[in-house]
Amino acid sequence: MSDPATQETPRRRLPFVREKRQRTPTVVTAVDLDGSIVRVCQAMQRSSGPTVTRLASASLDLPADANPSDPAVIGPALARALAKLRIKPAMVVMGIPRAQVVLRTLLLPPTENQGELASLVHFQAGRDLPFRPEDAIVDFQVRRTVNLPQRAVAAPEPVPGALAGTPPTPAQAASLARLEVLVAVVKRDTIEFHQQLAEIAGFKLAALGFLPHAHARCIQACHVADTDNAFALVSLRPDEVTIEVLSHDALLFSRATDFTSALPDTAAAGSDAAPDNAATAPRPEALSLVQHAARETLRSLHAFSGTEPDTAVTKIVVAGATGLEASLALALADRLGLPTTHLDPSGPLQLPEDARADAPGALAALGLALGLADRTGLPFDFLNPKRPPVKRDLKRLRILLGTALAAVVIVGIFIVRTTLVRRETALYNQALADLADAEKKRPTYRRTLLQAAAVDAWLKSERDWTDLYAHLSSVLPPAEDIYLKSFTVTGLGSLRLAVQARNGETIARLDKQLRAAGYDVKPIAITPGSDRYGYNFASIVELVASPKLKVDLSRLKTPARPADDGSLDPNLYKRGGGS
């Protein structure tokens, strides 16, 4: 995978912070679909490190002709399996198998700028993909720093006076160093499949890891491999066999092949090639599967030795729950002569007793849960991959910002204008209502104003008109002959009396009496006008009180009231009588 001529420095993990990495949840749930079986592992972060709290498995209730690539079919079955296990996960991590991932190893110039490194990776990874770059989700891991041989770099120009064999300068040595980066690429459809599956199954997908790295994380937690040398992990699953070469927690090599292709055609046609029952299968079929797995392991190790001639595999670990692991371990030990171990994670991980039966086949689920619960997180997370920084066009940002500010100003002006218009409209409508109400009350206002003007005139005049009114009451003839209909004071200070008399002689006598009392009386016109009380003559008397007229109320002598006068009887007014 890398240049065989490269010289590597001691392996170390370079720091790289994943952009927008989600906060590690308290309890992590890993869900692994292993053929027709779902394996669930829950882990949590403790002071001593991530710890497995529960491990369980259940069969998926799927019809015989179910399409494993249809989330609408797998999702409900997964939901029923989780309900059967009484697990209600909040944050779930799943893994993508090796067969769906394109792996590339790149040698890139060393850089401390994480965004620049991500840009280089995306640029190089998109050049030789088997699908469109727009459909690719790219994530990567910096494995190590290697030093290229001097022949791989153009020889520098000789420095005058320099001795032959002089060691390279620090700048020249830096030009020989390269970062070895493992790049993993998946199609966007694969990510969308897992997202739809999680939505239909009723849980939230927090991360989407890489199954080979999950295997490596579980092996690391079990402490079954020599940390100073590389080792091979052969993982058997119902539908494939995966061969991986690991060193520390770094993935050096990974290859997957179809497991069911080793079955005879008649057996594959008759049993849907389900290796879950391989332990109970006839011996020829089981032997065929073991031989196929051993053969693919040998091919993979030869391929690895061709790409990494300086790295030797010193140990082989076999894992899985197909029932063929022990036979495969014996076959590989016989062919390769290397120490071979059949891994059972239950012992090294100190799993509960009820989880030990499910541990051999749960290598991926254990690794995913331990990886996400760890503080360092998953090295590959296709749901939240490392991305290059977004290039910002400052000019375009300024234009957008100016446009946004202008829009805000326009919207603000519109809002203020609308508010003011509504306020003024409300005031206008209130004024119209007040005006309409005032129009209805205009006669009342006019009458009140006239009365107020009359009162003011009375108050401003030199005469006490109430005294004159009392004086006239003593001067007028008795009520049997005449009565007063109205009493008006004009603006010129004259009095106007509307009277009703029984006969004309009474009105003529009234003229003489007023003149004798000191009033200037205009000629009186007598008009016939009978009323229902027998007063047949009416007249308007206009008179002016002489300035020399002095009224002494103590000397006034009013005519006697008639015997039938009821004007002061309150009971008469209550009954509606009186005139």
Protein backbone atom coordinates (compact mmCIF):
# COMPACT_ATOMS: atom_id res chain seq x y z
CA MET A 1 0.00 0.00 0.00
CA SER A 2 2.98 2.28 0.55
CA ASP A 3 6.26 2.48 -1.31
CA PRO A 4 8.38 -0.54 -0.32
CA ALA A 5 11.43 1.67 -0.44
CA THR A 6 10.16 3.99 2.27
CA GLN A 7 11.84 3.98 5.63
CA GLU A 8 9.41 4.45 8.50
CA THR A 9 9.95 6.09 11.82
CA PRO A 10 8.41 4.60 14.99
CA ARG A 11 4.66 4.50 14.63
CA ARG A 12 2.75 7.18 16.46
CA ARG A 13 -0.66 8.72 16.17
CA LEU A 14 -0.62 12.30 15.01
CA PRO A 15 -3.14 14.60 16.63
CA PHE A 16 -6.03 15.52 14.41
CA VAL A 17 -9.20 17.08 15.78
CA ARG A 18 -12.35 16.12 13.96
CA GLU A 19 -14.40 19.13 13.02
CA LYS A 20 -17.70 19.46 14.91
CA ARG A 21 -17.10 16.26 16.84
CA GLN A 22 -20.17 15.40 18.85
CA ARG A 23 -19.99 15.17 22.61
CA THR A 24 -19.48 11.62 23.83
CA PRO A 25 -22.80 10.40 25.27
CA THR A 26 -22.96 8.83 28.71
CA VAL A 27 -24.07 5.45 27.38
CA VAL A 28 -23.03 4.31 23.90
CA THR A 29 -25.03 1.68 22.04
CA ALA A 30 -23.42 -0.14 19.10
CA VAL A 31 -25.67 -2.02 16.68
CA ASP A 32 -24.08 -4.51 14.27
CA LEU A 33 -26.11 -6.35 11.63
CA ASP A 34 -24.42 -9.74 11.28
CA GLY A 35 -26.46 -11.42 8.55
CA SER A 36 -29.83 -12.35 10.07
CA ILE A 37 -28.59 -11.56 13.60
CA VAL A 38 -28.37 -8.16 15.28
CA ARG A 39 -25.68 -7.79 17.93
CA VAL A 40 -26.01 -4.95 20.43
CA CYS A 41 -23.30 -3.71 22.78
CA GLN A 42 -23.58 -0.91 25.32
CA ALA A 43 -20.58 0.79 26.91
CA MET A 44 -19.93 3.85 29.05
CA GLN A 45 -16.96 6.03 29.89
CA ARG A 46 -15.46 5.58 33.34
CA SER A 47 -12.33 6.87 35.03
CA SER A 48 -10.46 3.69 34.09
CA GLY A 49 -11.61 3.92 30.46
CA PRO A 50 -14.57 2.66 28.43
CA THR A 51 -16.33 -0.34 29.95
CA VAL A 52 -18.84 -2.74 28.40
CA THR A 53 -22.07 -2.79 30.41
CA ARG A 54 -24.24 -5.04 28.27
CA LEU A 55 -23.92 -7.39 25.31
CA ALA A 56 -26.85 -9.17 23.67
CA SER A 57 -28.02 -10.53 20.33
CA ALA A 58 -31.32 -11.38 18.68
CA SER A 59 -32.51 -12.80 15.37
CA LEU A 60 -34.11 -10.54 12.80
CA ASP A 61 -37.61 -11.64 11.92
CA LEU A 62 -37.25 -11.35 8.14
CA PRO A 63 -39.15 -13.11 5.36
CA ALA A 64 -37.26 -15.59 3.21
CA ASP A 65 -37.20 -13.25 0.20
CA ALA A 66 -36.28 -10.10 2.17
CA ASN A 67 -34.05 -7.58 0.43
CA PRO A 68 -31.13 -6.79 2.81
CA SER A 69 -30.51 -3.47 1.03
CA ASP A 70 -34.03 -2.12 1.65
CA PRO A 71 -34.23 -0.11 4.91
CA ALA A 72 -38.04 -0.32 4.81
CA VAL A 73 -37.68 -4.10 5.27
CA ILE A 74 -34.73 -4.24 7.69
CA GLY A 75 -35.84 -1.27 9.82
CA PRO A 76 -39.07 -2.73 11.30
CA ALA A 77 -37.34 -6.07 11.95
CA LEU A 78 -34.51 -4.24 13.74
CA ALA A 79 -37.02 -2.29 15.83
CA ARG A 80 -38.75 -5.53 16.86
CA ALA A 81 -35.41 -7.13 17.77
CA LEU A 82 -34.43 -4.16 19.97
CA ALA A 83 -37.83 -4.25 21.65
CA LYS A 84 -37.38 -7.95 22.28
CA LEU A 85 -34.04 -7.21 23.95
CA ARG A 86 -35.70 -4.36 25.91
CA ILE A 87 -33.17 -1.86 24.64
CA LYS A 88 -34.21 1.71 23.89
CA PRO A 89 -31.03 3.37 22.62
CA ALA A 90 -30.74 7.13 22.47
CA MET A 91 -27.39 7.47 20.65
CA VAL A 92 -26.34 4.62 18.37
CA VAL A 93 -23.15 3.85 16.45
CA MET A 94 -23.15 1.47 13.50
CA GLY A 95 -20.35 0.26 11.23
CA ILE A 96 -19.75 -0.09 7.51
CA PRO A 97 -18.17 -3.39 6.36
CA ARG A 98 -14.93 -3.53 4.39
CA ALA A 99 -16.63 -4.55 1.15
CA GLN A 100 -18.45 -1.18 0.92
CA VAL A 101 -15.36 0.98 1.56
CA VAL A 102 -12.62 2.02 -0.88
CA LEU A 103 -9.23 2.23 0.89
CA ARG A 104 -6.26 4.23 -0.35
CA THR A 105 -2.89 4.97 1.24
CA LEU A 106 -1.45 8.39 0.44
CA LEU A 107 1.96 9.89 1.14
CA LEU A 108 1.52 13.61 1.71
CA PRO A 109 3.88 16.41 2.71
CA PRO A 110 3.88 16.95 6.48
CA THR A 111 1.78 19.85 7.66
CA GLU A 112 0.45 21.06 10.97
CA ASN A 113 -2.50 22.76 9.34
CA GLN A 114 -5.35 20.30 9.67
CA GLY A 115 -7.50 22.07 7.10
CA GLU A 116 -4.69 21.98 4.55
CA LEU A 117 -4.17 18.27 5.18
CA ALA A 118 -7.89 17.58 4.73
CA SER A 119 -7.84 19.53 1.45
CA LEU A 120 -4.89 17.48 0.17
CA VAL A 121 -6.61 14.23 1.13
CA HIS A 122 -9.88 15.14 -0.60
CA PHE A 123 -8.05 16.30 -3.70
CA GLN A 124 -5.94 13.15 -4.00
CA ALA A 125 -8.73 10.74 -3.02
CA GLY A 126 -11.12 12.04 -5.65
CA ARG A 127 -8.81 11.36 -8.60
CA ASP A 128 -9.23 7.59 -9.03
CA LEU A 129 -12.57 6.67 -7.46
CA PRO A 130 -14.85 4.09 -9.10
CA PHE A 131 -17.77 6.51 -8.72
CA ARG A 132 -18.36 10.23 -8.98
CA PRO A 133 -16.55 12.44 -6.43
CA GLU A 134 -19.86 14.17 -5.69
CA ASP A 135 -21.21 10.86 -4.36
CA ALA A 136 -18.18 10.20 -2.12
CA ILE A 137 -17.88 10.60 1.65
CA VAL A 138 -14.18 10.78 2.55
CA ASP A 139 -12.58 10.28 5.95
CA PHE A 140 -8.96 9.53 6.81
CA GLN A 141 -6.48 8.66 9.54
CA VAL A 142 -2.85 9.74 9.80
CA ARG A 143 -1.00 6.49 10.46
CA ARG A 144 2.65 7.43 10.72
CA THR A 145 5.49 9.60 9.45
CA VAL A 146 7.85 7.93 6.95
CA ASN A 147 11.15 9.05 5.51
CA LEU A 148 11.62 8.65 1.79
CA PRO A 149 14.99 7.36 0.58
CA GLN A 150 17.27 10.05 -0.73
CA ARG A 151 17.10 8.66 -4.23
CA ALA A 152 13.38 9.40 -4.29
CA VAL A 153 14.12 13.10 -3.96
CA ALA A 154 15.98 15.18 -6.46
CA ALA A 155 19.59 15.59 -5.35
CA PRO A 156 20.31 19.14 -4.18
CA GLU A 157 22.92 21.24 -5.93
CA PRO A 158 26.37 20.86 -4.32
CA VAL A 159 27.40 23.65 -2.04
CA PRO A 160 30.87 25.09 -2.87
CA GLY A 161 33.39 23.96 -0.28
CA ALA A 162 31.11 21.25 1.19
CA LEU A 163 32.68 17.86 1.90
CA ALA A 164 31.36 14.70 0.33
CA GLY A 165 29.10 12.68 2.59
CA THR A 166 27.93 15.71 4.56
CA PRO A 167 24.61 14.90 6.32
CA PRO A 168 21.54 16.70 4.93
CA THR A 169 20.47 19.94 6.43
CA PRO A 170 17.24 20.12 8.50
CA ALA A 171 15.43 21.61 5.50
CA GLN A 172 16.62 18.74 3.28
CA ALA A 173 15.65 16.18 5.93
CA ALA A 174 12.18 17.72 6.18
CA SER A 175 11.76 17.38 2.43
CA LEU A 176 12.27 13.61 2.79
CA ALA A 177 9.52 13.18 5.44
CA ARG A 178 6.01 12.22 4.42
CA LEU A 179 2.75 11.57 6.24
CA GLU A 180 1.27 8.17 5.54
CA VAL A 181 -2.50 8.67 5.50
CA LEU A 182 -5.09 5.91 5.26
CA VAL A 183 -8.10 7.20 3.33
CA ALA A 184 -11.50 5.51 3.42
CA VAL A 185 -14.20 6.44 0.92
CA VAL A 186 -17.84 5.30 0.88
CA LYS A 187 -20.71 6.17 -1.39
CA ARG A 188 -23.29 8.63 -0.14
CA ASP A 189 -26.00 6.01 -0.75
CA THR A 190 -24.45 3.84 1.98
CA ILE A 191 -24.67 6.68 4.50
CA GLU A 192 -28.27 7.41 3.51
CA PHE A 193 -29.16 3.72 3.88
CA HIS A 194 -27.97 3.68 7.50
CA GLN A 195 -29.70 7.00 8.26
CA GLN A 196 -33.01 5.74 6.88
CA LEU A 197 -32.55 2.43 8.71
CA ALA A 198 -32.01 4.26 12.02
CA GLU A 199 -35.04 6.50 11.44
CA ILE A 200 -37.33 3.56 10.66
CA ALA A 201 -35.95 1.53 13.59
CA GLY A 202 -36.66 4.43 15.95
CA PHE A 203 -33.24 5.56 17.15
CA LYS A 204 -30.80 8.39 16.42
CA LEU A 205 -27.59 7.57 14.57
CA ALA A 206 -24.71 9.35 16.34
CA ALA A 207 -21.76 7.91 14.39
CA LEU A 208 -20.98 5.57 11.54
CA GLY A 209 -17.66 3.78 11.97
CA PHE A 210 -15.52 1.34 9.99
CA LEU A 211 -15.79 -2.34 10.95
CA PRO A 212 -12.06 -3.22 10.44
CA HIS A 213 -11.13 -0.45 12.86
CA ALA A 214 -13.81 -1.70 15.24
CA HIS A 215 -12.12 -5.11 15.13
CA ALA A 216 -8.75 -3.47 15.85
CA ARG A 217 -10.22 -1.55 18.81
CA CYS A 218 -11.62 -4.75 20.31
CA ILE A 219 -8.30 -6.59 19.80
CA GLN A 220 -6.51 -3.72 21.52
CA ALA A 221 -8.91 -3.91 24.49
CA CYS A 222 -8.40 -7.68 24.76
CA HIS A 223 -4.55 -7.38 24.86
CA VAL A 224 -4.07 -10.60 22.86
CA ALA A 225 -1.60 -9.26 20.30
CA ASP A 226 2.00 -8.17 20.58
CA THR A 227 2.00 -4.39 20.50
CA ASP A 228 5.50 -4.22 18.97
CA ASN A 229 4.72 -6.27 15.85
CA ALA A 230 2.01 -6.54 13.27
CA PHE A 231 -0.58 -9.31 13.44
CA ALA A 232 -3.34 -10.59 11.19
CA LEU A 233 -6.99 -10.74 12.19
CA VAL A 234 -9.21 -13.16 10.29
CA SER A 235 -12.85 -12.38 11.03
CA LEU A 236 -15.59 -14.79 9.91
CA ARG A 237 -19.08 -13.45 9.37
CA PRO A 238 -22.09 -15.22 7.85
CA ASP A 239 -21.63 -13.57 4.48
CA GLU A 240 -17.92 -12.70 4.25
CA VAL A 241 -14.43 -13.30 5.57
CA THR A 242 -12.28 -10.26 6.36
CA ILE A 243 -8.50 -10.35 6.63
CA GLU A 244 -6.84 -7.36 8.32
CA VAL A 245 -3.26 -6.62 9.28
CA LEU A 246 -2.99 -4.41 12.36
CA SER A 247 -0.26 -2.76 14.35
CA HIS A 248 -1.18 -0.99 17.55
CA ASP A 249 -4.57 0.54 16.63
CA ALA A 250 -3.48 1.34 13.05
CA LEU A 251 -4.94 -0.55 10.11
CA LEU A 252 -2.16 -1.53 7.72
CA PHE A 253 -4.08 -3.79 5.38
CA SER A 254 -7.69 -4.89 4.91
CA ARG A 255 -9.38 -7.19 2.43
CA ALA A 256 -12.83 -8.81 2.35
CA THR A 257 -14.16 -11.65 0.23
CA ASP A 258 -17.53 -13.35 -0.19
CA PHE A 259 -17.79 -16.27 2.23
CA THR A 260 -20.70 -18.03 0.48
CA SER A 261 -18.79 -18.38 -2.80
CA ALA A 262 -16.92 -21.35 -1.29
CA LEU A 263 -20.10 -23.41 -0.89
CA PRO A 264 -21.01 -25.93 -3.59
CA ASP A 265 -23.66 -24.69 -5.98
CA THR A 266 -26.20 -27.27 -4.79
CA ALA A 267 -25.74 -26.34 -1.15
CA ALA A 268 -25.88 -22.61 -1.87
CA ALA A 269 -29.08 -22.99 -3.86
CA GLY A 270 -30.76 -25.12 -1.25
CA SER A 271 -29.98 -23.12 1.91
CA ASP A 272 -29.54 -19.50 0.77
CA ALA A 273 -25.84 -19.98 1.70
CA ALA A 274 -26.37 -19.09 5.36
CA PRO A 275 -23.11 -19.89 7.15
CA ASP A 276 -24.73 -19.22 10.56
CA ASN A 277 -25.46 -22.92 10.54
CA ALA A 278 -22.03 -23.91 9.21
CA ALA A 279 -21.22 -25.73 12.44
CA THR A 280 -24.07 -28.13 11.78
CA ALA A 281 -23.52 -28.28 8.00
CA PRO A 282 -22.27 -31.50 6.39
CA ARG A 283 -18.55 -31.95 6.72
CA PRO A 284 -17.74 -31.36 3.01
CA GLU A 285 -19.39 -27.92 3.11
CA ALA A 286 -17.67 -26.96 6.37
CA LEU A 287 -14.33 -28.18 4.98
CA SER A 288 -14.91 -26.15 1.81
CA LEU A 289 -15.55 -23.00 3.87
CA VAL A 290 -12.42 -23.54 5.99
CA GLN A 291 -10.28 -24.12 2.91
CA HIS A 292 -11.70 -21.01 1.25
CA ALA A 293 -10.99 -18.86 4.30
CA ALA A 294 -7.45 -20.26 4.66
CA ARG A 295 -6.76 -19.70 0.97
CA GLU A 296 -7.98 -16.07 1.09
CA THR A 297 -5.90 -15.48 4.22
CA LEU A 298 -2.73 -16.71 2.45
CA ARG A 299 -3.46 -14.51 -0.57
CA SER A 300 -4.01 -11.47 1.63
CA LEU A 301 -0.80 -12.00 3.59
CA HIS A 302 1.17 -12.39 0.35
CA ALA A 303 -0.37 -9.17 -0.94
CA PHE A 304 0.53 -7.39 2.30
CA SER A 305 4.11 -8.62 2.20
CA GLY A 306 4.41 -7.19 -1.30
CA THR A 307 3.31 -3.74 -0.20
CA GLU A 308 5.01 -3.75 3.22
CA PRO A 309 8.23 -5.79 2.85
CA ASP A 310 9.69 -4.35 6.04
CA THR A 311 6.69 -5.27 8.22
CA ALA A 312 6.32 -8.93 9.14
CA VAL A 313 3.17 -10.58 10.48
CA THR A 314 4.10 -12.47 13.65
CA LYS A 315 0.71 -13.68 14.86
CA ILE A 316 -2.73 -14.61 13.57
CA VAL A 317 -5.99 -14.07 15.48
CA VAL A 318 -9.20 -15.78 14.33
CA ALA A 319 -12.55 -14.39 15.47
CA GLY A 320 -16.20 -15.07 14.70
CA ALA A 321 -19.19 -17.16 15.69
CA THR A 322 -19.73 -19.37 12.62
CA GLY A 323 -18.38 -22.53 14.32
CA LEU A 324 -15.48 -22.79 11.88
CA GLU A 325 -13.01 -20.65 13.80
CA ALA A 326 -11.22 -23.50 15.60
CA SER A 327 -10.76 -25.50 12.38
CA LEU A 328 -9.53 -22.40 10.56
CA ALA A 329 -7.02 -21.63 13.33
CA LEU A 330 -5.58 -25.15 13.06
CA ALA A 331 -5.38 -24.91 9.26
CA LEU A 332 -3.60 -21.54 9.33
CA ALA A 333 -1.17 -22.66 12.02
CA ASP A 334 -0.32 -25.74 9.95
CA ARG A 335 0.18 -23.78 6.70
CA LEU A 336 1.93 -20.67 8.00
CA GLY A 337 3.71 -21.96 11.08
CA LEU A 338 2.71 -18.82 13.02
CA PRO A 339 1.11 -18.62 16.47
CA THR A 340 -2.64 -18.70 15.88
CA THR A 341 -5.26 -17.79 18.48
CA HIS A 342 -9.02 -18.21 18.48
CA LEU A 343 -10.24 -15.04 20.18
CA ASP A 344 -13.04 -15.10 22.75
CA PRO A 345 -13.44 -11.50 24.05
CA SER A 346 -15.54 -12.49 27.07
CA GLY A 347 -12.54 -13.34 29.23
CA PRO A 348 -10.20 -10.38 28.53
CA LEU A 349 -13.07 -7.87 28.68
CA GLN A 350 -14.54 -9.47 31.84
CA LEU A 351 -18.04 -9.55 30.39
CA PRO A 352 -21.05 -10.61 32.46
CA GLU A 353 -22.01 -14.26 32.44
CA ASP A 354 -25.16 -13.67 30.37
CA ALA A 355 -23.05 -12.01 27.63
CA ARG A 356 -20.34 -14.64 27.24
CA ALA A 357 -22.28 -16.72 24.73
CA ASP A 358 -22.67 -13.68 22.42
CA ALA A 359 -19.08 -12.42 22.76
CA PRO A 360 -17.29 -14.49 20.04
CA GLY A 361 -19.40 -13.05 17.23
CA ALA A 362 -19.66 -9.52 18.64
CA LEU A 363 -16.16 -8.32 17.82
CA ALA A 364 -17.48 -5.45 15.66
CA ALA A 365 -20.16 -4.35 18.13
CA LEU A 366 -17.66 -4.38 21.00
CA GLY A 367 -15.10 -2.36 19.03
CA LEU A 368 -17.66 0.23 17.91
CA ALA A 369 -18.99 0.76 21.44
CA LEU A 370 -15.53 0.95 23.00
CA GLY A 371 -14.29 3.27 20.27
CA LEU A 372 -17.10 5.81 20.56
CA ALA A 373 -17.07 5.67 24.36
CA ASP A 374 -13.33 6.37 24.36
CA ARG A 375 -12.20 9.98 24.77
CA THR A 376 -10.30 9.87 21.47
CA GLY A 377 -13.41 8.78 19.56
CA LEU A 378 -13.59 6.80 16.35
CA PRO A 379 -10.67 7.16 13.90
CA PHE A 380 -13.21 6.91 11.06
CA ASP A 381 -16.68 8.40 11.35
CA PHE A 382 -18.41 8.61 7.98
CA LEU A 383 -21.37 10.43 9.51
CA ASN A 384 -19.10 13.25 10.73
CA PRO A 385 -16.02 13.05 8.49
CA LYS A 386 -13.03 15.37 8.58
CA ARG A 387 -13.63 18.05 5.99
CA PRO A 388 -11.51 20.78 4.42
CA PRO A 389 -12.22 24.27 5.69
CA VAL A 390 -14.77 26.15 3.66
CA LYS A 391 -13.11 28.80 1.54
CA ARG A 392 -14.62 32.14 2.33
CA ASP A 393 -15.00 34.71 -0.42
CA LEU A 394 -14.61 37.92 1.60
CA LYS A 395 -15.86 40.09 -1.24
CA ARG A 396 -18.94 37.95 -1.65
CA LEU A 397 -19.41 37.91 2.14
CA ARG A 398 -19.27 41.69 2.21
CA ILE A 399 -21.83 41.90 -0.57
CA LEU A 400 -24.08 39.44 1.21
CA LEU A 401 -23.61 41.27 4.50
CA GLY A 402 -24.41 44.61 2.86
CA THR A 403 -27.46 43.11 1.20
CA ALA A 404 -28.56 41.61 4.49
CA LEU A 405 -28.10 44.93 6.29
CA ALA A 406 -30.02 46.74 3.57
CA ALA A 407 -32.79 44.20 3.83
CA VAL A 408 -32.84 44.63 7.61
CA VAL A 409 -33.04 48.42 7.23
CA ILE A 410 -35.83 48.16 4.66
CA VAL A 411 -37.74 45.70 6.80
CA GLY A 412 -37.19 47.94 9.85
CA ILE A 413 -38.45 51.01 7.96
CA PHE A 414 -41.44 49.05 6.74
CA ILE A 415 -42.21 47.87 10.27
CA VAL A 416 -41.88 51.41 11.70
CA ARG A 417 -43.99 52.82 8.87
CA THR A 418 -46.65 50.18 9.38
CA THR A 419 -46.69 50.86 13.12
CA LEU A 420 -47.02 54.63 12.63
CA VAL A 421 -49.71 54.23 9.98
CA ARG A 422 -51.69 51.93 12.24
CA ARG A 423 -51.34 54.36 15.13
CA GLU A 424 -52.39 57.38 13.05
CA THR A 425 -55.23 55.40 11.49
CA ALA A 426 -56.49 54.52 14.95
CA LEU A 427 -56.32 58.19 15.96
CA TYR A 428 -58.12 59.21 12.76
CA ASN A 429 -60.88 56.66 13.30
CA GLN A 430 -61.25 57.82 16.89
CA ALA A 431 -61.49 61.43 15.70
CA LEU A 432 -64.15 60.48 13.17
CA ALA A 433 -66.12 58.70 15.90
CA ASP A 434 -65.79 61.74 18.20
CA LEU A 435 -66.87 64.04 15.34
CA ALA A 436 -69.92 61.89 14.58
CA ASP A 437 -70.86 61.91 18.25
CA ALA A 438 -70.36 65.70 18.40
CA GLU A 439 -72.61 66.17 15.34
CA LYS A 440 -75.35 64.28 17.15
CA LYS A 441 -74.93 66.49 20.22
CA ARG A 442 -74.58 69.78 18.29
CA PRO A 443 -78.14 71.02 19.08
CA THR A 444 -77.57 70.32 22.74
CA TYR A 445 -74.23 72.11 22.63
CA ARG A 446 -75.78 75.10 20.83
CA ARG A 447 -78.65 75.33 23.30
CA THR A 448 -76.21 75.06 26.18
CA LEU A 449 -74.03 77.79 24.68
CA LEU A 450 -77.00 80.07 24.20
CA GLN A 451 -78.15 79.46 27.73
CA ALA A 452 -74.65 80.09 29.00
CA ALA A 453 -74.49 83.31 26.97
CA ALA A 454 -77.82 84.40 28.42
CA VAL A 455 -76.63 83.63 31.93
CA ASP A 456 -73.40 85.54 31.27
CA ALA A 457 -75.42 88.48 29.95
CA TRP A 458 -77.59 88.39 33.05
CA LEU A 459 -74.51 88.30 35.24
CA LYS A 460 -72.75 91.10 33.36
CA SER A 461 -75.78 93.42 33.29
CA GLU A 462 -76.46 96.01 35.98
CA ARG A 463 -79.94 94.71 36.61
CA ASP A 464 -81.00 91.92 38.88
CA TRP A 465 -83.40 90.26 36.51
CA THR A 466 -84.77 87.93 39.14
CA ASP A 467 -85.86 90.98 41.14
CA LEU A 468 -87.51 92.38 38.01
CA TYR A 469 -89.21 89.01 37.50
CA ALA A 470 -90.56 89.19 41.05
CA HIS A 471 -91.60 92.80 40.48
CA LEU A 472 -93.49 91.88 37.32
CA SER A 473 -95.27 89.15 39.23
CA SER A 474 -96.74 91.83 41.52
CA VAL A 475 -97.60 94.16 38.63
CA LEU A 476 -99.31 91.66 36.32
CA PRO A 477 -103.10 91.16 36.65
CA PRO A 478 -104.37 88.09 38.56
CA ALA A 479 -104.04 84.65 37.09
CA GLU A 480 -107.80 84.41 36.52
CA ASP A 481 -107.37 87.11 33.82
CA ILE A 482 -103.93 86.55 32.37
CA TYR A 483 -100.95 84.18 32.67
CA LEU A 484 -97.35 84.33 31.49
CA LYS A 485 -96.29 81.84 28.82
CA SER A 486 -92.57 82.85 28.50
CA PHE A 487 -90.11 85.34 29.86
CA THR A 488 -87.09 86.36 27.71
CA VAL A 489 -84.29 88.85 28.18
CA THR A 490 -82.89 90.16 24.89
CA GLY A 491 -79.28 91.11 24.26
CA LEU A 492 -80.20 94.83 24.44
CA GLY A 493 -81.46 94.51 27.99
CA SER A 494 -85.16 94.50 27.15
CA LEU A 495 -87.75 92.05 28.44
CA ARG A 496 -90.11 90.11 26.23
CA LEU A 497 -93.22 88.60 27.79
CA ALA A 498 -95.56 86.20 25.99
CA VAL A 499 -98.98 86.41 27.69
CA GLN A 500 -102.38 84.79 27.25
CA ALA A 501 -105.49 86.82 28.41
CA ARG A 502 -109.18 86.14 28.64
CA ASN A 503 -110.08 89.36 26.79
CA GLY A 504 -108.51 92.37 25.09
CA GLU A 505 -109.38 94.71 27.90
CA THR A 506 -107.09 92.80 30.24
CA ILE A 507 -104.18 93.28 27.80
CA ALA A 508 -104.94 97.00 27.46
CA ARG A 509 -105.06 97.33 31.24
CA LEU A 510 -101.69 95.49 31.39
CA ASP A 511 -100.14 98.22 29.22
CA LYS A 512 -101.23 100.92 31.59
CA GLN A 513 -100.10 99.02 34.69
CA LEU A 514 -96.60 98.42 33.26
CA ARG A 515 -96.15 102.04 32.31
CA ALA A 516 -97.33 103.12 35.72
CA ALA A 517 -94.82 100.73 37.34
CA GLY A 518 -91.90 102.47 35.54
CA TYR A 519 -91.40 100.39 32.42
CA ASP A 520 -91.07 101.70 28.89
CA VAL A 521 -93.52 99.58 26.93
CA LYS A 522 -93.69 99.27 23.19
CA PRO A 523 -97.16 99.31 21.68
CA ILE A 524 -98.89 96.08 22.40
CA ALA A 525 -100.50 94.09 19.56
CA ILE A 526 -103.45 91.96 20.59
CA THR A 527 -103.93 88.71 18.66
CA PRO A 528 -106.94 86.40 18.99
CA GLY A 529 -105.69 83.02 20.08
CA SER A 530 -107.80 80.82 22.27
CA ASP A 531 -106.50 77.91 24.32
CA ARG A 532 -108.19 75.05 26.09
CA TYR A 533 -108.44 77.05 29.36
CA GLY A 534 -110.61 79.86 27.92
CA TYR A 535 -107.89 82.49 27.41
CA ASN A 536 -108.84 83.77 23.98
CA PHE A 537 -106.27 86.52 23.35
CA ALA A 538 -102.48 86.38 23.08
CA SER A 539 -99.86 89.12 22.92
CA ILE A 540 -96.13 89.76 22.98
CA VAL A 541 -95.16 92.53 25.40
CA GLU A 542 -91.76 94.14 24.99
CA LEU A 543 -90.62 96.49 27.73
CA VAL A 544 -87.50 98.08 29.11
CA ALA A 545 -86.92 98.77 32.77
CA SER A 546 -86.18 102.43 33.40
CA PRO A 547 -82.78 103.09 34.99
CA LYS A 548 -84.61 104.99 37.73
CA LEU A 549 -86.66 101.95 38.61
CA LYS A 550 -85.72 100.61 42.02
CA VAL A 551 -87.23 97.35 43.17
CA ASP A 552 -87.88 96.86 46.87
CA LEU A 553 -89.01 93.26 47.38
CA SER A 554 -90.17 94.01 50.93
CA ARG A 555 -92.84 96.40 49.63
CA LEU A 556 -94.12 94.19 46.84
CA LYS A 557 -97.63 92.90 47.15
CA THR A 558 -98.53 90.06 44.86
CA PRO A 559 -102.09 89.19 43.84
CA ALA A 560 -103.81 86.51 45.88
CA ARG A 561 -103.75 83.02 44.49
CA PRO A 562 -106.97 81.52 43.23
CA ALA A 563 -108.80 79.15 45.52
CA ASP A 564 -108.30 76.24 43.13
CA ASP A 565 -104.58 76.95 42.50
CA GLY A 566 -102.71 73.64 42.68
CA SER A 567 -99.32 74.72 41.30
CA LEU A 568 -97.66 74.13 44.66
CA ASP A 569 -99.31 70.79 45.31
CA PRO A 570 -96.66 68.03 44.69
CA ASN A 571 -99.31 65.32 44.52
CA LEU A 572 -100.93 67.09 41.62
CA TYR A 573 -97.70 66.88 39.57
CA LYS A 574 -97.22 63.23 40.49
CA ARG A 575 -100.70 62.53 39.05
CA GLY A 576 -99.85 64.50 35.93
CA GLY A 577 -102.22 67.41 36.68
CA GLY A 578 -101.64 71.14 36.84
CA SER A 579 -100.87 73.65 34.12
